[in-house]
Amino acid sequence: METALDDPYPSALFLAITQLPVSFFLINGIGVLLLLLLSGLISGSEVAFFSLSHDQIQDAKTSGNKNDKYISSLVLDPKRLLATILILNNLANIFIVTISTFATWKVVGSKDAGGIVIVVLTVSITVMIIFFGEIVPKVYANHNNLSFARMTAPMLTFADKILRPISWFLMALSNIIESRIQKKGYNLSVDQINQALEITADKEVSDEEKGILKGIVNFSTLSVRQIMKSRIDITALDVDTDFHDLMDKVNKTGYSRIPVYAETVDKIEGILYIKDLLPHLDKKEEFKWQTLLRPGFFVPESKKIDDLFRDFQEKQVHMAIIVDEYGGTSGLITLEDVIEEIVGEINDEFDEENEIAYNKLDANTYIFEGKTSLNDFCKITGVDSDVFEKVKRESESLGGLLLELNTKLPPAGEKITFQQFLFTVVAVDQRRIKRVRVYINPEHSDQVKDFED
């Protein structure tokens, strides 16, 4: 009876190993280790390059370091970079498996136990590739992305030139697949999402909850110009104000942050934080409070409020000065204004009962201040915000809309009709419309109608 000890295969395997030259194992072993190192560098470079921050990339563009120049060149086309990395990584892994398999078959040949050896080899190589070729380098590269990117940038630049035909083919193929998928997808407009909310919202959902959901949907569509406090309503301080007058004005305003200007409000010198004044309350009239000013944060009128919200978080500021195309001050916006677009009005102990000044006379008639923003007007009246899109042009206030519709400053009592709206100018001065009565016809057709009082 043949036992395991009498099995001729271990002896034959040992004999086959001893017959092969040492250089065979040395060359194949070193080859596998080098390829495993290469696989690790390539895998880590994927994490390193695609985790570089905007500031790191900008620094690389202006750096005199040669490897930084390679980095800035590679990240210009991230799709091609990713294709090059994936091709290189797969080639390295394929060579590792091929060399290992060749060496194993050279030793075991076609013997009965060769299949078991190949299975053990496959499992071992897979574990080595995953651990040493993927996990370890990616964890290291995630914590040292810039240094890792610098180390692998020359290699990837060379590979990018050599493998460009293959990467171009893969990119073209992926673009075709991507375009096919996009054609089958759905592009929902903000209005469609709002309609879906109206249809699907449960009866138990309150109006406040519906408002928050709609605010989230509309958040990325609003610009700062639509919700800012206009220039004429800004409370600001002259930089030449003495300390005594300053404290008097601060007490009257109740604001925690106030812009400070020189000569005109178009030249904002900075923002005065009232909390910075607290240690100096006992100072005399000559105190140079101007040294307490903090830099102002300026944004253009066209900036979207979701982008502004992220800027507020990153810069840790709560107020921004809105500037027009000529650099003049157009308005002011605060973090509270942005948040209110989602959660609704936030009133504290210093706010007036109704920040948006309006009166509702009956179900269809309102009195509004001319400075009321069209965004607030639509929210209060429940009107679709797109209804004025084609006629408002650059105007974002109710008074500005009427000037666009009438082409001149209307006198008090003049009526202006637009679709379902009858606007009656209640009060006006030499420069602007101060107050407007609005009647909304509940039985509106697509034609413009003249309405009676």
Protein backbone atom coordinates (compact mmCIF):
# COMPACT_ATOMS: atom_id res chain seq x y z
CA MET A 1 0.00 0.00 0.00
CA GLU A 2 1.41 3.39 -1.06
CA THR A 3 1.47 6.09 1.64
CA ALA A 4 1.96 9.82 1.51
CA LEU A 5 5.56 9.29 2.47
CA ASP A 6 6.01 6.95 -0.47
CA ASP A 7 4.42 9.47 -2.96
CA PRO A 8 6.95 9.95 -5.75
CA TYR A 9 5.69 13.48 -6.60
CA PRO A 10 7.45 15.40 -3.76
CA SER A 11 10.70 13.72 -4.77
CA ALA A 12 10.13 14.54 -8.43
CA LEU A 13 9.23 18.15 -7.57
CA PHE A 14 12.36 18.48 -5.44
CA LEU A 15 14.44 16.98 -8.22
CA ALA A 16 12.94 19.42 -10.78
CA ILE A 17 13.72 22.38 -8.52
CA THR A 18 17.32 21.28 -7.94
CA GLN A 19 17.88 20.78 -11.66
CA LEU A 20 16.93 24.38 -12.48
CA PRO A 21 19.71 26.97 -12.16
CA VAL A 22 19.63 29.43 -9.26
CA SER A 23 19.63 32.29 -11.75
CA PHE A 24 16.23 31.13 -13.02
CA PHE A 25 14.60 31.64 -9.60
CA LEU A 26 16.59 34.81 -8.94
CA ILE A 27 15.61 36.49 -12.21
CA ASN A 28 11.93 35.49 -11.93
CA GLY A 29 11.75 36.45 -8.24
CA ILE A 30 13.33 39.88 -8.79
CA GLY A 31 11.10 40.40 -11.83
CA VAL A 32 7.93 39.71 -9.83
CA LEU A 33 9.05 41.99 -6.97
CA LEU A 34 9.89 44.85 -9.36
CA LEU A 35 6.57 44.48 -11.16
CA LEU A 36 4.78 44.40 -7.80
CA LEU A 37 6.56 47.64 -6.84
CA LEU A 38 5.60 49.15 -10.21
CA SER A 39 1.97 48.10 -9.69
CA GLY A 40 1.99 49.77 -6.28
CA LEU A 41 3.42 53.02 -7.67
CA ILE A 42 0.85 53.10 -10.45
CA SER A 43 -2.10 52.36 -8.12
CA GLY A 44 -0.92 54.96 -5.63
CA SER A 45 -0.49 57.58 -8.37
CA GLU A 46 -4.20 57.28 -9.21
CA VAL A 47 -5.13 58.34 -5.67
CA ALA A 48 -2.34 60.92 -5.49
CA PHE A 49 -3.19 62.76 -8.72
CA PHE A 50 -6.95 62.73 -8.29
CA SER A 51 -6.82 63.94 -4.68
CA LEU A 52 -4.69 67.02 -5.44
CA SER A 53 -6.44 70.19 -4.34
CA HIS A 54 -6.97 73.21 -6.57
CA ASP A 55 -4.31 75.15 -4.64
CA GLN A 56 -1.77 72.33 -5.03
CA ILE A 57 -2.35 72.22 -8.79
CA GLN A 58 -2.01 76.01 -9.06
CA ASP A 59 1.23 75.91 -7.07
CA ALA A 60 2.54 73.17 -9.39
CA LYS A 61 1.80 75.37 -12.44
CA THR A 62 3.90 78.23 -11.06
CA SER A 63 6.65 76.06 -9.56
CA GLY A 64 10.09 75.79 -11.10
CA ASN A 65 10.33 72.09 -10.16
CA LYS A 66 10.46 69.85 -13.25
CA ASN A 67 8.23 67.19 -11.71
CA ASP A 68 5.65 69.84 -10.81
CA LYS A 69 5.56 70.82 -14.50
CA TYR A 70 4.83 67.19 -15.34
CA ILE A 71 1.99 67.20 -12.78
CA SER A 72 0.39 70.37 -14.16
CA SER A 73 0.59 68.92 -17.69
CA LEU A 74 -0.92 65.55 -16.77
CA VAL A 75 -3.91 66.96 -14.86
CA LEU A 76 -4.96 69.07 -17.84
CA ASP A 77 -6.56 65.95 -19.33
CA PRO A 78 -7.78 63.83 -16.39
CA LYS A 79 -9.55 61.27 -18.61
CA ARG A 80 -6.38 60.50 -20.55
CA LEU A 81 -4.38 60.38 -17.32
CA LEU A 82 -6.81 57.87 -15.83
CA ALA A 83 -6.71 55.75 -19.00
CA THR A 84 -2.87 55.72 -18.93
CA ILE A 85 -2.82 54.69 -15.25
CA LEU A 86 -5.33 51.87 -15.79
CA ILE A 87 -3.48 50.53 -18.85
CA LEU A 88 -0.14 50.57 -17.01
CA ASN A 89 -1.59 48.95 -13.90
CA ASN A 90 -3.22 46.15 -15.87
CA LEU A 91 -0.05 45.51 -17.86
CA ALA A 92 2.00 45.26 -14.65
CA ASN A 93 -0.47 42.84 -13.05
CA ILE A 94 -0.67 40.72 -16.20
CA PHE A 95 3.15 40.41 -16.32
CA ILE A 96 3.23 39.44 -12.63
CA VAL A 97 0.74 36.61 -13.20
CA THR A 98 2.41 35.53 -16.46
CA ILE A 99 5.94 35.33 -15.01
CA SER A 100 4.72 33.53 -11.87
CA THR A 101 2.71 31.04 -13.89
CA PHE A 102 5.58 30.41 -16.33
CA ALA A 103 8.04 29.78 -13.49
CA THR A 104 5.60 27.43 -11.75
CA TRP A 105 4.87 25.38 -14.87
CA LYS A 106 8.61 25.19 -15.51
CA VAL A 107 8.98 23.55 -12.12
CA VAL A 108 5.89 21.29 -11.87
CA GLY A 109 5.34 20.67 -15.59
CA SER A 110 2.25 18.58 -16.31
CA LYS A 111 2.38 16.45 -13.18
CA ASP A 112 -0.83 15.52 -11.35
CA ALA A 113 -0.26 17.94 -8.48
CA GLY A 114 0.47 20.83 -10.85
CA GLY A 115 -3.16 22.03 -10.74
CA ILE A 116 -3.08 22.37 -6.95
CA VAL A 117 0.17 24.32 -7.13
CA ILE A 118 -1.33 26.69 -9.73
CA VAL A 119 -4.39 27.33 -7.50
CA VAL A 120 -2.16 28.07 -4.50
CA LEU A 121 0.01 30.33 -6.66
CA THR A 122 -3.02 32.22 -8.03
CA VAL A 123 -4.40 32.88 -4.55
CA SER A 124 -0.97 33.98 -3.26
CA ILE A 125 -0.31 36.33 -6.20
CA THR A 126 -3.82 37.82 -5.93
CA VAL A 127 -3.33 38.54 -2.21
CA MET A 128 0.07 40.11 -2.89
CA ILE A 129 -1.28 42.32 -5.71
CA ILE A 130 -4.28 43.49 -3.65
CA PHE A 131 -2.30 44.19 -0.48
CA PHE A 132 1.09 45.41 -1.76
CA GLY A 133 -0.05 46.64 -5.17
CA GLU A 134 -3.31 48.36 -4.17
CA ILE A 135 -4.14 48.87 -0.49
CA VAL A 136 -0.75 49.88 0.97
CA PRO A 137 0.29 52.34 -1.79
CA LYS A 138 -3.17 53.92 -1.99
CA VAL A 139 -3.31 54.49 1.77
CA TYR A 140 0.16 56.05 1.69
CA ALA A 141 -0.61 58.17 -1.38
CA ASN A 142 -3.81 59.47 0.19
CA HIS A 143 -1.79 60.99 3.04
CA ASN A 144 1.16 62.13 0.89
CA ASN A 145 -0.54 62.96 -2.40
CA LEU A 146 1.76 65.74 -3.61
CA SER A 147 5.06 63.96 -2.88
CA PHE A 148 3.72 60.72 -4.37
CA ALA A 149 2.52 62.57 -7.50
CA ARG A 150 5.95 64.19 -7.89
CA MET A 151 7.62 60.78 -7.59
CA THR A 152 5.47 59.11 -10.27
CA ALA A 153 4.96 62.10 -12.61
CA PRO A 154 8.01 61.40 -14.87
CA MET A 155 7.01 57.74 -15.27
CA LEU A 156 3.38 58.64 -16.15
CA THR A 157 4.52 61.37 -18.57
CA PHE A 158 6.69 58.85 -20.44
CA ALA A 159 3.91 56.23 -20.39
CA ASP A 160 1.39 58.81 -21.59
CA LYS A 161 3.44 59.39 -24.75
CA ILE A 162 3.99 55.67 -25.42
CA LEU A 163 0.42 54.53 -24.67
CA ARG A 164 -1.39 57.52 -26.21
CA PRO A 165 -2.90 55.54 -29.14
CA ILE A 166 -4.37 52.94 -26.77
CA SER A 167 -5.63 55.55 -24.29
CA TRP A 168 -7.17 57.55 -27.16
CA PHE A 169 -9.05 54.44 -28.33
CA LEU A 170 -10.34 53.71 -24.81
CA MET A 171 -11.42 57.33 -24.31
CA ALA A 172 -13.27 57.35 -27.64
CA LEU A 173 -15.03 54.10 -26.71
CA SER A 174 -16.01 55.44 -23.27
CA ASN A 175 -17.35 58.66 -24.82
CA ILE A 176 -19.58 56.64 -27.15
CA ILE A 177 -20.92 54.58 -24.24
CA GLU A 178 -21.38 57.72 -22.11
CA SER A 179 -23.34 59.49 -24.86
CA ARG A 180 -25.61 56.45 -25.28
CA ILE A 181 -26.32 56.38 -21.55
CA GLN A 182 -27.04 60.13 -21.45
CA LYS A 183 -29.55 59.82 -24.30
CA LYS A 184 -31.48 57.26 -22.28
CA GLY A 185 -31.36 59.39 -19.11
CA TYR A 186 -33.81 62.00 -17.91
CA ASN A 187 -33.14 65.72 -17.67
CA LEU A 188 -35.56 67.18 -15.16
CA SER A 189 -36.02 70.91 -14.92
CA VAL A 190 -36.47 72.71 -11.62
CA ASP A 191 -40.14 73.35 -12.49
CA GLN A 192 -40.73 69.64 -13.11
CA ILE A 193 -39.17 68.76 -9.77
CA ASN A 194 -41.34 71.36 -8.04
CA GLN A 195 -44.43 69.91 -9.72
CA ALA A 196 -43.38 66.44 -8.62
CA LEU A 197 -43.12 67.71 -5.05
CA GLU A 198 -46.65 69.10 -5.23
CA ILE A 199 -48.03 65.84 -6.61
CA THR A 200 -46.18 63.40 -4.38
CA ALA A 201 -46.18 65.36 -1.10
CA ASP A 202 -48.32 63.60 1.46
CA LYS A 203 -51.26 65.41 3.01
CA GLU A 204 -49.52 65.17 6.36
CA VAL A 205 -46.60 67.23 4.99
CA SER A 206 -46.96 70.81 6.19
CA ASP A 207 -46.61 73.90 4.02
CA GLU A 208 -43.39 74.72 5.87
CA GLU A 209 -41.89 71.34 4.98
CA LYS A 210 -42.96 71.75 1.35
CA GLY A 211 -41.33 75.18 1.36
CA ILE A 212 -38.04 73.74 2.63
CA LEU A 213 -38.05 71.04 -0.06
CA LYS A 214 -38.75 73.63 -2.77
CA GLY A 215 -36.04 75.87 -1.32
CA ILE A 216 -33.51 73.03 -1.63
CA VAL A 217 -34.57 72.37 -5.24
CA ASN A 218 -34.33 76.06 -6.22
CA PHE A 219 -31.15 76.72 -4.22
CA SER A 220 -28.69 76.31 -7.09
CA THR A 221 -30.77 78.41 -9.53
CA LEU A 222 -30.78 81.69 -7.59
CA SER A 223 -28.11 84.37 -7.99
CA VAL A 224 -27.03 86.71 -5.21
CA ARG A 225 -28.59 89.62 -7.13
CA GLN A 226 -32.03 88.06 -6.66
CA ILE A 227 -31.91 87.98 -2.86
CA MET A 228 -29.42 90.68 -1.88
CA LYS A 229 -30.25 93.82 0.07
CA SER A 230 -30.00 96.60 -2.50
CA ARG A 231 -27.45 99.41 -2.29
CA ILE A 232 -30.01 102.00 -1.21
CA ASP A 233 -31.00 99.89 1.84
CA ILE A 234 -27.47 99.18 3.06
CA THR A 235 -26.57 100.49 6.49
CA ALA A 236 -22.93 101.56 6.31
CA LEU A 237 -20.55 103.81 8.25
CA ASP A 238 -18.21 106.54 7.02
CA VAL A 239 -14.59 105.74 7.82
CA ASP A 240 -14.10 109.33 9.09
CA THR A 241 -16.80 109.00 11.78
CA ASP A 242 -15.41 109.70 15.26
CA PHE A 243 -15.69 107.05 17.97
CA HIS A 244 -18.50 108.79 19.88
CA ASP A 245 -20.76 109.07 16.80
CA LEU A 246 -19.81 105.55 15.80
CA MET A 247 -21.06 104.06 19.07
CA ASP A 248 -24.29 106.03 18.79
CA LYS A 249 -24.95 104.68 15.29
CA VAL A 250 -24.00 101.13 16.29
CA ASN A 251 -26.52 101.23 19.16
CA LYS A 252 -29.27 102.39 16.82
CA THR A 253 -28.69 99.82 14.06
CA GLY A 254 -28.55 96.62 16.13
CA TYR A 255 -26.35 94.92 13.52
CA SER A 256 -23.39 92.72 14.47
CA ARG A 257 -21.42 93.55 11.29
CA ILE A 258 -21.45 96.88 9.43
CA PRO A 259 -19.65 97.83 6.18
CA VAL A 260 -17.39 100.88 6.38
CA TYR A 261 -16.81 103.10 3.34
CA ALA A 262 -14.58 105.98 2.32
CA GLU A 263 -16.28 108.92 0.53
CA THR A 264 -19.02 106.78 -1.08
CA VAL A 265 -20.50 103.34 -0.51
CA ASP A 266 -18.78 102.26 -3.72
CA LYS A 267 -15.47 102.31 -1.83
CA ILE A 268 -15.92 99.76 0.95
CA GLU A 269 -12.85 99.86 3.19
CA GLY A 270 -13.78 96.85 5.30
CA ILE A 271 -16.27 95.34 7.71
CA LEU A 272 -16.59 96.40 11.34
CA TYR A 273 -17.43 93.52 13.69
CA ILE A 274 -19.23 94.96 16.70
CA LYS A 275 -17.72 92.31 18.99
CA ASP A 276 -14.28 93.81 18.21
CA LEU A 277 -15.46 97.08 19.82
CA LEU A 278 -16.35 95.48 23.17
CA PRO A 279 -12.84 95.74 24.72
CA HIS A 280 -12.71 99.44 23.74
CA LEU A 281 -16.02 100.77 25.05
CA ASP A 282 -14.26 103.05 27.55
CA LYS A 283 -12.03 104.66 24.93
CA LYS A 284 -12.28 108.38 24.17
CA GLU A 285 -13.51 110.14 21.06
CA GLU A 286 -10.04 110.12 19.46
CA PHE A 287 -9.81 106.31 19.51
CA LYS A 288 -8.78 104.95 16.06
CA TRP A 289 -11.50 102.36 15.66
CA GLN A 290 -10.59 102.04 11.96
CA THR A 291 -7.74 99.71 12.98
CA LEU A 292 -10.36 97.12 13.93
CA LEU A 293 -11.73 96.78 10.38
CA ARG A 294 -11.64 93.36 8.81
CA PRO A 295 -11.25 92.80 5.04
CA GLY A 296 -14.46 92.78 3.03
CA PHE A 297 -15.55 89.78 0.94
CA PHE A 298 -16.65 90.87 -2.54
CA VAL A 299 -18.65 88.77 -5.01
CA PRO A 300 -20.21 89.53 -8.42
CA GLU A 301 -23.98 89.86 -8.93
CA SER A 302 -24.11 86.73 -11.07
CA LYS A 303 -22.72 84.37 -8.42
CA LYS A 304 -25.07 81.54 -7.47
CA ILE A 305 -26.05 81.35 -3.82
CA ASP A 306 -25.05 77.69 -3.49
CA ASP A 307 -21.49 78.67 -4.50
CA LEU A 308 -21.62 81.64 -2.12
CA PHE A 309 -22.75 79.35 0.69
CA ARG A 310 -19.66 77.17 0.18
CA ASP A 311 -17.48 80.30 0.12
CA PHE A 312 -18.99 81.43 3.41
CA GLN A 313 -18.12 78.05 4.93
CA GLU A 314 -14.56 77.96 3.58
CA LYS A 315 -13.68 81.58 4.40
CA GLN A 316 -15.65 81.56 7.68
CA VAL A 317 -17.36 84.87 6.95
CA HIS A 318 -21.04 85.78 7.23
CA MET A 319 -21.32 88.79 4.92
CA ALA A 320 -20.47 89.59 1.30
CA ILE A 321 -20.52 92.87 -0.62
CA ILE A 322 -22.09 92.50 -4.08
CA VAL A 323 -20.32 94.44 -6.83
CA ASP A 324 -21.51 95.23 -10.35
CA GLU A 325 -19.52 94.97 -13.57
CA TYR A 326 -17.86 98.33 -12.93
CA GLY A 327 -16.75 97.45 -9.41
CA GLY A 328 -19.36 99.61 -7.71
CA THR A 329 -21.34 98.40 -4.71
CA SER A 330 -24.60 96.87 -5.87
CA GLY A 331 -25.85 95.38 -2.63
CA LEU A 332 -25.13 93.25 0.39
CA ILE A 333 -25.90 89.65 1.33
CA THR A 334 -25.46 87.70 4.56
CA LEU A 335 -25.31 84.03 5.49
CA GLU A 336 -28.75 84.44 7.05
CA ASP A 337 -30.17 85.62 3.71
CA VAL A 338 -28.83 82.50 2.00
CA ILE A 339 -30.15 80.10 4.65
CA GLU A 340 -33.57 81.80 4.56
CA GLU A 341 -33.95 80.69 0.93
CA ILE A 342 -34.26 77.13 2.28
CA VAL A 343 -35.84 77.38 5.72
CA GLY A 344 -37.84 80.60 5.31
CA GLU A 345 -37.62 83.84 7.27
CA ILE A 346 -35.47 83.81 10.41
CA ASN A 347 -36.44 86.54 12.87
CA ASP A 348 -34.42 87.41 15.94
CA GLU A 349 -35.03 89.96 18.69
CA PHE A 350 -33.65 92.78 16.52
CA ASP A 351 -35.75 92.05 13.42
CA GLU A 352 -38.99 93.81 12.71
CA GLU A 353 -42.21 91.84 12.71
CA ASN A 354 -42.37 91.81 8.89
CA GLU A 355 -39.01 92.27 7.23
CA ILE A 356 -40.67 92.08 3.81
CA ALA A 357 -43.06 95.03 3.99
CA TYR A 358 -46.42 94.11 2.44
CA ASN A 359 -50.11 94.01 3.27
CA LYS A 360 -52.63 91.46 2.02
CA LEU A 361 -55.92 93.28 1.48
CA ASP A 362 -57.87 90.24 0.29
CA ALA A 363 -57.24 86.89 -1.40
CA ASN A 364 -56.02 88.51 -4.61
CA THR A 365 -54.88 92.04 -3.67
CA TYR A 366 -51.61 93.09 -2.04
CA ILE A 367 -49.69 96.26 -1.21
CA PHE A 368 -45.92 95.92 -1.70
CA GLU A 369 -42.91 98.16 -1.26
CA GLY A 370 -41.34 98.95 -4.63
CA LYS A 371 -37.98 97.66 -3.38
CA THR A 372 -39.41 94.17 -2.72
CA SER A 373 -37.40 91.61 -4.68
CA LEU A 374 -39.22 89.68 -7.38
CA ASN A 375 -38.04 86.50 -5.69
CA ASP A 376 -39.83 87.46 -2.45
CA PHE A 377 -42.86 88.76 -4.38
CA CYS A 378 -43.29 85.39 -6.11
CA LYS A 379 -42.88 83.45 -2.86
CA ILE A 380 -45.50 85.55 -1.05
CA THR A 381 -48.07 85.50 -3.87
CA GLY A 382 -47.40 81.90 -4.90
CA VAL A 383 -46.61 82.93 -8.48
CA ASP A 384 -44.18 80.99 -10.69
CA SER A 385 -40.85 82.84 -10.59
CA ASP A 386 -40.37 82.38 -14.35
CA VAL A 387 -43.42 84.49 -15.24
CA PHE A 388 -41.34 87.71 -15.36
CA GLU A 389 -38.20 86.17 -16.84
CA LYS A 390 -38.63 87.56 -20.37
CA VAL A 391 -39.60 91.11 -19.38
CA LYS A 392 -37.61 91.93 -16.24
CA ARG A 393 -34.24 92.13 -18.04
CA GLU A 394 -31.71 93.24 -15.40
CA SER A 395 -34.32 94.19 -12.78
CA GLU A 396 -34.72 92.10 -9.65
CA SER A 397 -37.18 94.31 -7.70
CA LEU A 398 -40.90 94.96 -8.17
CA GLY A 399 -40.29 98.65 -8.84
CA GLY A 400 -37.60 97.80 -11.38
CA LEU A 401 -40.00 95.44 -13.18
CA LEU A 402 -42.60 98.20 -13.51
CA LEU A 403 -39.97 100.55 -14.94
CA GLU A 404 -39.11 97.91 -17.54
CA LEU A 405 -42.81 97.44 -18.40
CA ASN A 406 -43.57 101.18 -18.51
CA THR A 407 -40.21 102.39 -19.93
CA LYS A 408 -40.41 105.51 -17.71
CA LEU A 409 -41.07 106.48 -14.11
CA PRO A 410 -44.89 106.31 -13.76
CA PRO A 411 -46.87 108.88 -11.71
CA ALA A 412 -48.91 107.88 -8.65
CA GLY A 413 -52.17 106.24 -9.60
CA GLU A 414 -50.98 104.89 -12.96
CA LYS A 415 -52.01 101.33 -13.77
CA ILE A 416 -49.76 98.83 -15.53
CA THR A 417 -51.05 95.45 -16.71
CA PHE A 418 -49.07 92.31 -17.41
CA GLN A 419 -50.69 88.91 -17.90
CA GLN A 420 -52.79 88.21 -14.77
CA PHE A 421 -51.38 91.20 -12.86
CA LEU A 422 -52.74 94.71 -12.47
CA PHE A 423 -50.10 96.95 -10.86
CA THR A 424 -51.25 100.30 -9.46
CA VAL A 425 -48.55 102.75 -8.42
CA VAL A 426 -49.54 104.00 -4.95
CA ALA A 427 -46.53 106.17 -4.06
CA VAL A 428 -43.56 107.42 -6.04
CA ASP A 429 -40.81 109.99 -5.60
CA GLN A 430 -38.46 111.63 -8.09
CA ARG A 431 -36.17 108.61 -8.30
CA ARG A 432 -38.11 105.41 -7.65
CA ILE A 433 -41.43 103.65 -7.15
CA LYS A 434 -42.03 103.42 -3.42
CA ARG A 435 -45.28 101.46 -3.08
CA VAL A 436 -47.41 99.33 -5.42
CA ARG A 437 -50.84 97.73 -5.21
CA VAL A 438 -51.03 94.38 -6.97
CA TYR A 439 -54.23 92.65 -8.07
CA ILE A 440 -53.87 89.07 -9.36
CA ASN A 441 -56.76 87.91 -11.53
CA PRO A 442 -57.74 84.37 -10.42
CA GLU A 443 -59.43 83.67 -13.77
CA HIS A 444 -56.43 84.51 -15.90
CA SER A 445 -56.26 83.44 -19.55
CA ASP A 446 -53.17 83.62 -21.73
CA GLN A 447 -54.23 87.05 -22.98
CA VAL A 448 -53.47 90.28 -21.16
CA LYS A 449 -56.53 91.91 -19.64
CA ASP A 450 -57.32 95.33 -18.21
CA PHE A 451 -58.72 95.14 -14.73
CA GLU A 452 -60.82 97.58 -12.80
CA ASP A 453 -60.24 98.53 -9.17
